[in-house]
PDB file of all heavy atoms in Angstrom:
ATOM      1  N   ASP A   1      -3.058  23.387  44.311  1.00  0.00           N
ATOM      2  CA  ASP A   1      -3.537  24.743  44.580  1.00  0.00           C
ATOM      3  C   ASP A   1      -2.819  25.345  45.785  1.00  0.00           C
ATOM      4  O   ASP A   1      -2.291  24.622  46.648  1.00  0.00           O
ATOM      5  CB  ASP A   1      -5.048  24.701  44.853  1.00  0.00           C
ATOM      6  CG  ASP A   1      -5.740  26.027  44.549  1.00  0.00           C
ATOM      7  OD1 ASP A   1      -5.072  26.970  44.080  1.00  0.00           O
ATOM      8  OD2 ASP A   1      -6.969  26.109  44.770  1.00  0.00           O
ATOM      9  N   GLU A   2      -2.790  26.671  45.808  1.00  0.00           N
ATOM     10  CA  GLU A   2      -2.320  27.464  46.945  1.00  0.00           C
ATOM     11  C   GLU A   2      -0.948  27.013  47.454  1.00  0.00           C
ATOM     12  O   GLU A   2      -0.758  26.708  48.636  1.00  0.00           O
ATOM     13  CB  GLU A   2      -3.342  27.414  48.090  1.00  0.00           C
ATOM     14  CG  GLU A   2      -4.738  27.875  47.712  1.00  0.00           C
ATOM     15  CD  GLU A   2      -4.826  29.337  47.287  1.00  0.00           C
ATOM     16  OE1 GLU A   2      -3.957  30.130  47.709  1.00  0.00           O
ATOM     17  OE2 GLU A   2      -5.759  29.683  46.531  1.00  0.00           O
ATOM     18  N   LEU A   3       0.038  27.001  46.570  1.00  0.00           N
ATOM     19  CA  LEU A   3       1.405  26.646  46.942  1.00  0.00           C
ATOM     20  C   LEU A   3       2.098  27.862  47.554  1.00  0.00           C
ATOM     21  O   LEU A   3       2.182  28.921  46.926  1.00  0.00           O
ATOM     22  CB  LEU A   3       2.176  26.172  45.706  1.00  0.00           C
ATOM     23  CG  LEU A   3       3.669  25.915  45.866  1.00  0.00           C
ATOM     24  CD1 LEU A   3       3.937  24.802  46.869  1.00  0.00           C
ATOM     25  CD2 LEU A   3       4.297  25.588  44.510  1.00  0.00           C
ATOM     26  N   ALA A   4       2.585  27.713  48.787  1.00  0.00           N
ATOM     27  CA  ALA A   4       3.195  28.846  49.491  1.00  0.00           C
ATOM     28  C   ALA A   4       4.455  28.405  50.219  1.00  0.00           C
ATOM     29  O   ALA A   4       4.579  27.258  50.647  1.00  0.00           O
ATOM     30  CB  ALA A   4       2.202  29.454  50.477  1.00  0.00           C
ATOM     31  N   PHE A   5       5.399  29.348  50.343  1.00  0.00           N
ATOM     32  CA  PHE A   5       6.689  29.096  50.986  1.00  0.00           C
ATOM     33  C   PHE A   5       6.931  30.125  52.095  1.00  0.00           C
ATOM     34  O   PHE A   5       6.681  31.317  51.908  1.00  0.00           O
ATOM     35  CB  PHE A   5       7.834  29.196  49.973  1.00  0.00           C
ATOM     36  CG  PHE A   5       7.739  28.207  48.849  1.00  0.00           C
ATOM     37  CD1 PHE A   5       6.993  28.499  47.711  1.00  0.00           C
ATOM     38  CD2 PHE A   5       8.403  26.988  48.906  1.00  0.00           C
ATOM     39  CE1 PHE A   5       6.902  27.596  46.659  1.00  0.00           C
ATOM     40  CE2 PHE A   5       8.313  26.080  47.861  1.00  0.00           C
ATOM     41  CZ  PHE A   5       7.565  26.385  46.734  1.00  0.00           C
ATOM     42  N   TRP A   6       7.452  29.637  53.221  1.00  0.00           N
ATOM     43  CA  TRP A   6       7.819  30.497  54.344  1.00  0.00           C
ATOM     44  C   TRP A   6       9.303  30.320  54.675  1.00  0.00           C
ATOM     45  O   TRP A   6       9.852  29.226  54.498  1.00  0.00           O
ATOM     46  CB  TRP A   6       7.036  30.111  55.606  1.00  0.00           C
ATOM     47  CG  TRP A   6       5.636  30.586  55.701  1.00  0.00           C
ATOM     48  CD1 TRP A   6       5.166  31.674  56.387  1.00  0.00           C
ATOM     49  CD2 TRP A   6       4.476  29.962  55.122  1.00  0.00           C
ATOM     50  NE1 TRP A   6       3.798  31.756  56.265  1.00  0.00           N
ATOM     51  CE2 TRP A   6       3.347  30.722  55.492  1.00  0.00           C
ATOM     52  CE3 TRP A   6       4.299  28.834  54.326  1.00  0.00           C
ATOM     53  CZ2 TRP A   6       2.060  30.398  55.093  1.00  0.00           C
ATOM     54  CZ3 TRP A   6       3.020  28.505  53.916  1.00  0.00           C
ATOM     55  CH2 TRP A   6       1.910  29.273  54.300  1.00  0.00           C
ATOM     56  N   ASN A   7       9.920  31.375  55.171  1.00  0.00           N
ATOM     57  CA  ASN A   7      11.293  31.269  55.657  1.00  0.00           C
ATOM     58  C   ASN A   7      11.310  31.136  57.178  1.00  0.00           C
ATOM     59  O   ASN A   7      12.135  31.717  57.882  1.00  0.00           O
ATOM     60  CB  ASN A   7      12.144  32.452  55.212  1.00  0.00           C
ATOM     61  CG  ASN A   7      11.574  33.784  55.655  1.00  0.00           C
ATOM     62  OD1 ASN A   7      10.493  33.852  56.253  1.00  0.00           O
ATOM     63  ND2 ASN A   7      12.283  34.859  55.358  1.00  0.00           N
ATOM     64  N   ARG A   8      10.381  30.341  57.663  1.00  0.00           N
ATOM     65  CA  ARG A   8      10.292  29.986  59.083  1.00  0.00           C
ATOM     66  C   ARG A   8       9.574  28.644  59.188  1.00  0.00           C
ATOM     67  O   ARG A   8       9.032  28.132  58.203  1.00  0.00           O
ATOM     68  CB  ARG A   8       9.548  31.054  59.889  1.00  0.00           C
ATOM     69  CG  ARG A   8       8.101  31.263  59.471  1.00  0.00           C
ATOM     70  CD  ARG A   8       7.463  32.426  60.234  1.00  0.00           C
ATOM     71  NE  ARG A   8       6.063  32.601  59.884  1.00  0.00           N
ATOM     72  CZ  ARG A   8       5.056  31.956  60.458  1.00  0.00           C
ATOM     73  NH1 ARG A   8       5.303  31.064  61.421  1.00  0.00           N
ATOM     74  NH2 ARG A   8       3.813  32.159  60.093  1.00  0.00           N
ATOM     75  N   SER A   9       9.581  28.068  60.387  1.00  0.00           N
ATOM     76  CA  SER A   9       8.982  26.754  60.603  1.00  0.00           C
ATOM     77  C   SER A   9       7.539  26.911  61.083  1.00  0.00           C
ATOM     78  O   SER A   9       7.303  27.409  62.190  1.00  0.00           O
ATOM     79  CB  SER A   9       9.780  25.964  61.652  1.00  0.00           C
ATOM     80  OG  SER A   9      11.139  25.874  61.283  1.00  0.00           O
ATOM     81  N   LEU A  10       6.594  26.491  60.262  1.00  0.00           N
ATOM     82  CA  LEU A  10       5.205  26.515  60.683  1.00  0.00           C
ATOM     83  C   LEU A  10       4.958  25.460  61.748  1.00  0.00           C
ATOM     84  O   LEU A  10       5.592  24.398  61.757  1.00  0.00           O
ATOM     85  CB  LEU A  10       4.284  26.253  59.495  1.00  0.00           C
ATOM     86  CG  LEU A  10       4.254  27.316  58.379  1.00  0.00           C
ATOM     87  CD1 LEU A  10       3.254  26.903  57.306  1.00  0.00           C
ATOM     88  CD2 LEU A  10       3.917  28.694  58.925  1.00  0.00           C
ATOM     89  N   VAL A  11       4.017  25.726  62.647  1.00  0.00           N
ATOM     90  CA  VAL A  11       3.658  24.785  63.705  1.00  0.00           C
ATOM     91  C   VAL A  11       2.262  24.238  63.424  1.00  0.00           C
ATOM     92  O   VAL A  11       1.534  24.718  62.552  1.00  0.00           O
ATOM     93  CB  VAL A  11       3.723  25.452  65.096  1.00  0.00           C
ATOM     94  CG1 VAL A  11       5.145  25.914  65.395  1.00  0.00           C
ATOM     95  CG2 VAL A  11       2.748  26.619  65.192  1.00  0.00           C
ATOM     96  N   GLU A  12       1.889  23.206  64.181  1.00  0.00           N
ATOM     97  CA  GLU A  12       0.621  22.524  63.920  1.00  0.00           C
ATOM     98  C   GLU A  12      -0.577  23.457  64.019  1.00  0.00           C
ATOM     99  O   GLU A  12      -1.527  23.355  63.240  1.00  0.00           O
ATOM    100  CB  GLU A  12       0.445  21.356  64.894  1.00  0.00           C
ATOM    101  CG  GLU A  12      -0.783  20.503  64.587  1.00  0.00           C
ATOM    102  CD  GLU A  12      -0.815  19.214  65.381  1.00  0.00           C
ATOM    103  OE1 GLU A  12       0.048  19.036  66.271  1.00  0.00           O
ATOM    104  OE2 GLU A  12      -1.680  18.370  65.108  1.00  0.00           O
ATOM    105  N   GLU A  13      -0.546  24.386  64.952  1.00  0.00           N
ATOM    106  CA  GLU A  13      -1.650  25.331  65.115  1.00  0.00           C
ATOM    107  C   GLU A  13      -1.862  26.155  63.842  1.00  0.00           C
ATOM    108  O   GLU A  13      -2.996  26.414  63.426  1.00  0.00           O
ATOM    109  CB  GLU A  13      -1.370  26.253  66.303  1.00  0.00           C
ATOM    110  CG  GLU A  13      -2.559  27.079  66.750  1.00  0.00           C
ATOM    111  CD  GLU A  13      -2.259  27.867  68.007  1.00  0.00           C
ATOM    112  OE1 GLU A  13      -1.069  28.187  68.252  1.00  0.00           O
ATOM    113  OE2 GLU A  13      -3.206  28.182  68.749  1.00  0.00           O
ATOM    114  N   GLU A  14      -0.773  26.527  63.195  1.00  0.00           N
ATOM    115  CA  GLU A  14      -0.884  27.291  61.950  1.00  0.00           C
ATOM    116  C   GLU A  14      -1.378  26.410  60.807  1.00  0.00           C
ATOM    117  O   GLU A  14      -2.213  26.837  59.992  1.00  0.00           O
ATOM    118  CB  GLU A  14       0.471  27.900  61.604  1.00  0.00           C
ATOM    119  CG  GLU A  14       0.937  28.955  62.590  1.00  0.00           C
ATOM    120  CD  GLU A  14       2.377  29.370  62.346  1.00  0.00           C
ATOM    121  OE1 GLU A  14       3.258  28.482  62.352  1.00  0.00           O
ATOM    122  OE2 GLU A  14       2.615  30.577  62.139  1.00  0.00           O
ATOM    123  N   ALA A  15      -0.852  25.185  60.743  1.00  0.00           N
ATOM    124  CA  ALA A  15      -1.284  24.267  59.694  1.00  0.00           C
ATOM    125  C   ALA A  15      -2.776  23.984  59.806  1.00  0.00           C
ATOM    126  O   ALA A  15      -3.494  23.939  58.788  1.00  0.00           O
ATOM    127  CB  ALA A  15      -0.485  22.967  59.780  1.00  0.00           C
ATOM    128  N   LYS A  16      -3.264  23.788  61.018  1.00  0.00           N
ATOM    129  CA  LYS A  16      -4.695  23.526  61.223  1.00  0.00           C
ATOM    130  C   LYS A  16      -5.533  24.735  60.846  1.00  0.00           C
ATOM    131  O   LYS A  16      -6.611  24.604  60.247  1.00  0.00           O
ATOM    132  CB  LYS A  16      -4.963  23.125  62.673  1.00  0.00           C
ATOM    133  CG  LYS A  16      -6.439  22.854  62.968  1.00  0.00           C
ATOM    134  CD  LYS A  16      -6.625  22.275  64.347  1.00  0.00           C
ATOM    135  CE  LYS A  16      -8.122  22.162  64.700  1.00  0.00           C
ATOM    136  NZ  LYS A  16      -8.896  21.448  63.658  1.00  0.00           N
ATOM    137  N   LEU A  17      -5.053  25.915  61.175  1.00  0.00           N
ATOM    138  CA  LEU A  17      -5.772  27.142  60.830  1.00  0.00           C
ATOM    139  C   LEU A  17      -5.923  27.284  59.319  1.00  0.00           C
ATOM    140  O   LEU A  17      -7.009  27.577  58.807  1.00  0.00           O
ATOM    141  CB  LEU A  17      -5.040  28.354  61.408  1.00  0.00           C
ATOM    142  CG  LEU A  17      -5.604  29.728  61.034  1.00  0.00           C
ATOM    143  CD1 LEU A  17      -6.998  29.928  61.624  1.00  0.00           C
ATOM    144  CD2 LEU A  17      -4.662  30.839  61.498  1.00  0.00           C
ATOM    145  N   ILE A  18      -4.834  27.056  58.586  1.00  0.00           N
ATOM    146  CA  ILE A  18      -4.884  27.169  57.126  1.00  0.00           C
ATOM    147  C   ILE A  18      -5.841  26.130  56.547  1.00  0.00           C
ATOM    148  O   ILE A  18      -6.641  26.424  55.653  1.00  0.00           O
ATOM    149  CB  ILE A  18      -3.474  27.002  56.533  1.00  0.00           C
ATOM    150  CG1 ILE A  18      -2.565  28.150  57.004  1.00  0.00           C
ATOM    151  CG2 ILE A  18      -3.527  26.972  55.008  1.00  0.00           C
ATOM    152  CD1 ILE A  18      -1.099  27.936  56.674  1.00  0.00           C
ATOM    153  N   TYR A  19      -5.762  24.907  57.075  1.00  0.00           N
ATOM    154  CA  TYR A  19      -6.656  23.850  56.600  1.00  0.00           C
ATOM    155  C   TYR A  19      -8.122  24.183  56.893  1.00  0.00           C
ATOM    156  O   TYR A  19      -8.990  24.107  56.007  1.00  0.00           O
ATOM    157  CB  TYR A  19      -6.280  22.529  57.254  1.00  0.00           C
ATOM    158  CG  TYR A  19      -7.276  21.419  56.992  1.00  0.00           C
ATOM    159  CD1 TYR A  19      -7.373  20.824  55.737  1.00  0.00           C
ATOM    160  CD2 TYR A  19      -8.140  20.984  58.006  1.00  0.00           C
ATOM    161  CE1 TYR A  19      -8.295  19.809  55.490  1.00  0.00           C
ATOM    162  CE2 TYR A  19      -9.058  19.973  57.764  1.00  0.00           C
ATOM    163  CZ  TYR A  19      -9.133  19.397  56.509  1.00  0.00           C
ATOM    164  OH  TYR A  19     -10.054  18.408  56.269  1.00  0.00           O
ATOM    165  N   ASP A  20      -8.426  24.558  58.140  1.00  0.00           N
ATOM    166  CA  ASP A  20      -9.811  24.839  58.523  1.00  0.00           C
ATOM    167  C   ASP A  20     -10.400  26.011  57.749  1.00  0.00           C
ATOM    168  O   ASP A  20     -11.581  25.994  57.396  1.00  0.00           O
ATOM    169  CB  ASP A  20      -9.903  25.127  60.022  1.00  0.00           C
ATOM    170  CG  ASP A  20      -9.753  23.880  60.890  1.00  0.00           C
ATOM    171  OD1 ASP A  20      -9.867  22.768  60.340  1.00  0.00           O
ATOM    172  OD2 ASP A  20      -9.533  24.025  62.111  1.00  0.00           O
ATOM    173  N   ALA A  21      -9.579  27.023  57.492  1.00  0.00           N
ATOM    174  CA  ALA A  21     -10.081  28.210  56.793  1.00  0.00           C
ATOM    175  C   ALA A  21     -10.656  27.843  55.439  1.00  0.00           C
ATOM    176  O   ALA A  21     -11.637  28.450  54.974  1.00  0.00           O
ATOM    177  CB  ALA A  21      -8.958  29.239  56.636  1.00  0.00           C
ATOM    178  N   THR A  22     -10.068  26.860  54.792  1.00  0.00           N
ATOM    179  CA  THR A  22     -10.553  26.424  53.485  1.00  0.00           C
ATOM    180  C   THR A  22     -11.607  25.336  53.614  1.00  0.00           C
ATOM    181  O   THR A  22     -12.664  25.398  52.996  1.00  0.00           O
ATOM    182  CB  THR A  22      -9.385  25.914  52.633  1.00  0.00           C
ATOM    183  OG1 THR A  22      -8.482  26.991  52.407  1.00  0.00           O
ATOM    184  CG2 THR A  22      -9.858  25.376  51.297  1.00  0.00           C
ATOM    185  N   ASN A  23     -11.320  24.328  54.406  1.00  0.00           N
ATOM    186  CA  ASN A  23     -12.213  23.175  54.501  1.00  0.00           C
ATOM    187  C   ASN A  23     -13.593  23.549  55.034  1.00  0.00           C
ATOM    188  O   ASN A  23     -14.597  22.942  54.658  1.00  0.00           O
ATOM    189  CB  ASN A  23     -11.587  22.111  55.404  1.00  0.00           C
ATOM    190  CG  ASN A  23     -12.319  20.792  55.347  1.00  0.00           C
ATOM    191  OD1 ASN A  23     -12.419  20.173  54.290  1.00  0.00           O
ATOM    192  ND2 ASN A  23     -12.826  20.358  56.483  1.00  0.00           N
ATOM    193  N   ASN A  24     -13.655  24.550  55.916  1.00  0.00           N
ATOM    194  CA  ASN A  24     -14.919  24.919  56.552  1.00  0.00           C
ATOM    195  C   ASN A  24     -15.655  26.044  55.842  1.00  0.00           C
ATOM    196  O   ASN A  24     -16.734  26.455  56.291  1.00  0.00           O
ATOM    197  CB  ASN A  24     -14.674  25.338  58.009  1.00  0.00           C
ATOM    198  CG  ASN A  24     -14.104  24.213  58.853  1.00  0.00           C
ATOM    199  OD1 ASN A  24     -14.154  23.054  58.456  1.00  0.00           O
ATOM    200  ND2 ASN A  24     -13.554  24.550  60.004  1.00  0.00           N
ATOM    201  N   ASN A  25     -15.106  26.544  54.752  1.00  0.00           N
ATOM    202  CA  ASN A  25     -15.691  27.704  54.085  1.00  0.00           C
ATOM    203  C   ASN A  25     -15.703  27.504  52.576  1.00  0.00           C
ATOM    204  O   ASN A  25     -14.767  27.918  51.881  1.00  0.00           O
ATOM    205  CB  ASN A  25     -14.900  28.977  54.436  1.00  0.00           C
ATOM    206  CG  ASN A  25     -14.956  29.298  55.915  1.00  0.00           C
ATOM    207  OD1 ASN A  25     -15.927  29.841  56.412  1.00  0.00           O
ATOM    208  ND2 ASN A  25     -13.902  28.934  56.645  1.00  0.00           N
ATOM    209  N   PRO A  26     -16.741  26.843  52.048  1.00  0.00           N
ATOM    210  CA  PRO A  26     -16.794  26.578  50.597  1.00  0.00           C
ATOM    211  C   PRO A  26     -16.629  27.846  49.776  1.00  0.00           C
ATOM    212  O   PRO A  26     -17.230  28.875  50.072  1.00  0.00           O
ATOM    213  CB  PRO A  26     -18.195  25.973  50.416  1.00  0.00           C
ATOM    214  CG  PRO A  26     -18.511  25.368  51.751  1.00  0.00           C
ATOM    215  CD  PRO A  26     -17.898  26.292  52.762  1.00  0.00           C
ATOM    216  N   GLY A  27     -15.779  27.739  48.739  1.00  0.00           N
ATOM    217  CA  GLY A  27     -15.534  28.883  47.871  1.00  0.00           C
ATOM    218  C   GLY A  27     -14.555  29.894  48.418  1.00  0.00           C
ATOM    219  O   GLY A  27     -14.276  30.917  47.779  1.00  0.00           O
ATOM    220  N   LYS A  28     -14.008  29.627  49.598  1.00  0.00           N
ATOM    221  CA  LYS A  28     -13.057  30.533  50.231  1.00  0.00           C
ATOM    222  C   LYS A  28     -11.784  29.768  50.564  1.00  0.00           C
ATOM    223  O   LYS A  28     -11.744  28.542  50.585  1.00  0.00           O
ATOM    224  CB  LYS A  28     -13.634  31.134  51.518  1.00  0.00           C
ATOM    225  CG  LYS A  28     -14.921  31.918  51.336  1.00  0.00           C
ATOM    226  CD  LYS A  28     -14.677  33.243  50.626  1.00  0.00           C
ATOM    227  CE  LYS A  28     -15.960  34.046  50.561  1.00  0.00           C
ATOM    228  NZ  LYS A  28     -15.733  35.368  49.898  1.00  0.00           N
ATOM    229  N   THR A  29     -10.739  30.505  50.857  1.00  0.00           N
ATOM    230  CA  THR A  29      -9.503  29.912  51.345  1.00  0.00           C
ATOM    231  C   THR A  29      -8.814  30.908  52.256  1.00  0.00           C
ATOM    232  O   THR A  29      -9.203  32.088  52.329  1.00  0.00           O
ATOM    233  CB  THR A  29      -8.581  29.522  50.176  1.00  0.00           C
ATOM    234  OG1 THR A  29      -7.532  28.676  50.667  1.00  0.00           O
ATOM    235  CG2 THR A  29      -7.946  30.742  49.520  1.00  0.00           C
ATOM    236  N   ALA A  30      -7.795  30.456  52.963  1.00  0.00           N
ATOM    237  CA  ALA A  30      -7.046  31.341  53.858  1.00  0.00           C
ATOM    238  C   ALA A  30      -6.275  32.377  53.049  1.00  0.00           C
ATOM    239  O   ALA A  30      -5.578  32.036  52.091  1.00  0.00           O
ATOM    240  CB  ALA A  30      -6.085  30.525  54.720  1.00  0.00           C
ATOM    241  N   ASN A  31      -6.404  33.614  53.432  1.00  0.00           N
ATOM    242  CA  ASN A  31      -5.570  34.679  52.860  1.00  0.00           C
ATOM    243  C   ASN A  31      -4.245  34.654  53.617  1.00  0.00           C
ATOM    244  O   ASN A  31      -4.111  35.239  54.687  1.00  0.00           O
ATOM    245  CB  ASN A  31      -6.255  36.029  53.002  1.00  0.00           C
ATOM    246  CG  ASN A  31      -5.457  37.155  52.370  1.00  0.00           C
ATOM    247  OD1 ASN A  31      -4.271  36.988  52.059  1.00  0.00           O
ATOM    248  ND2 ASN A  31      -6.079  38.309  52.186  1.00  0.00           N
TER     249      ASN A  31
END
């Protein structure tokens, strides 16, 4: 699910944000 590509290097803070947005909110995901 939610396969996305960036033309830049994501950092850990961004990876954690994307993970938390979904993991902490049932039925929702990061926009």
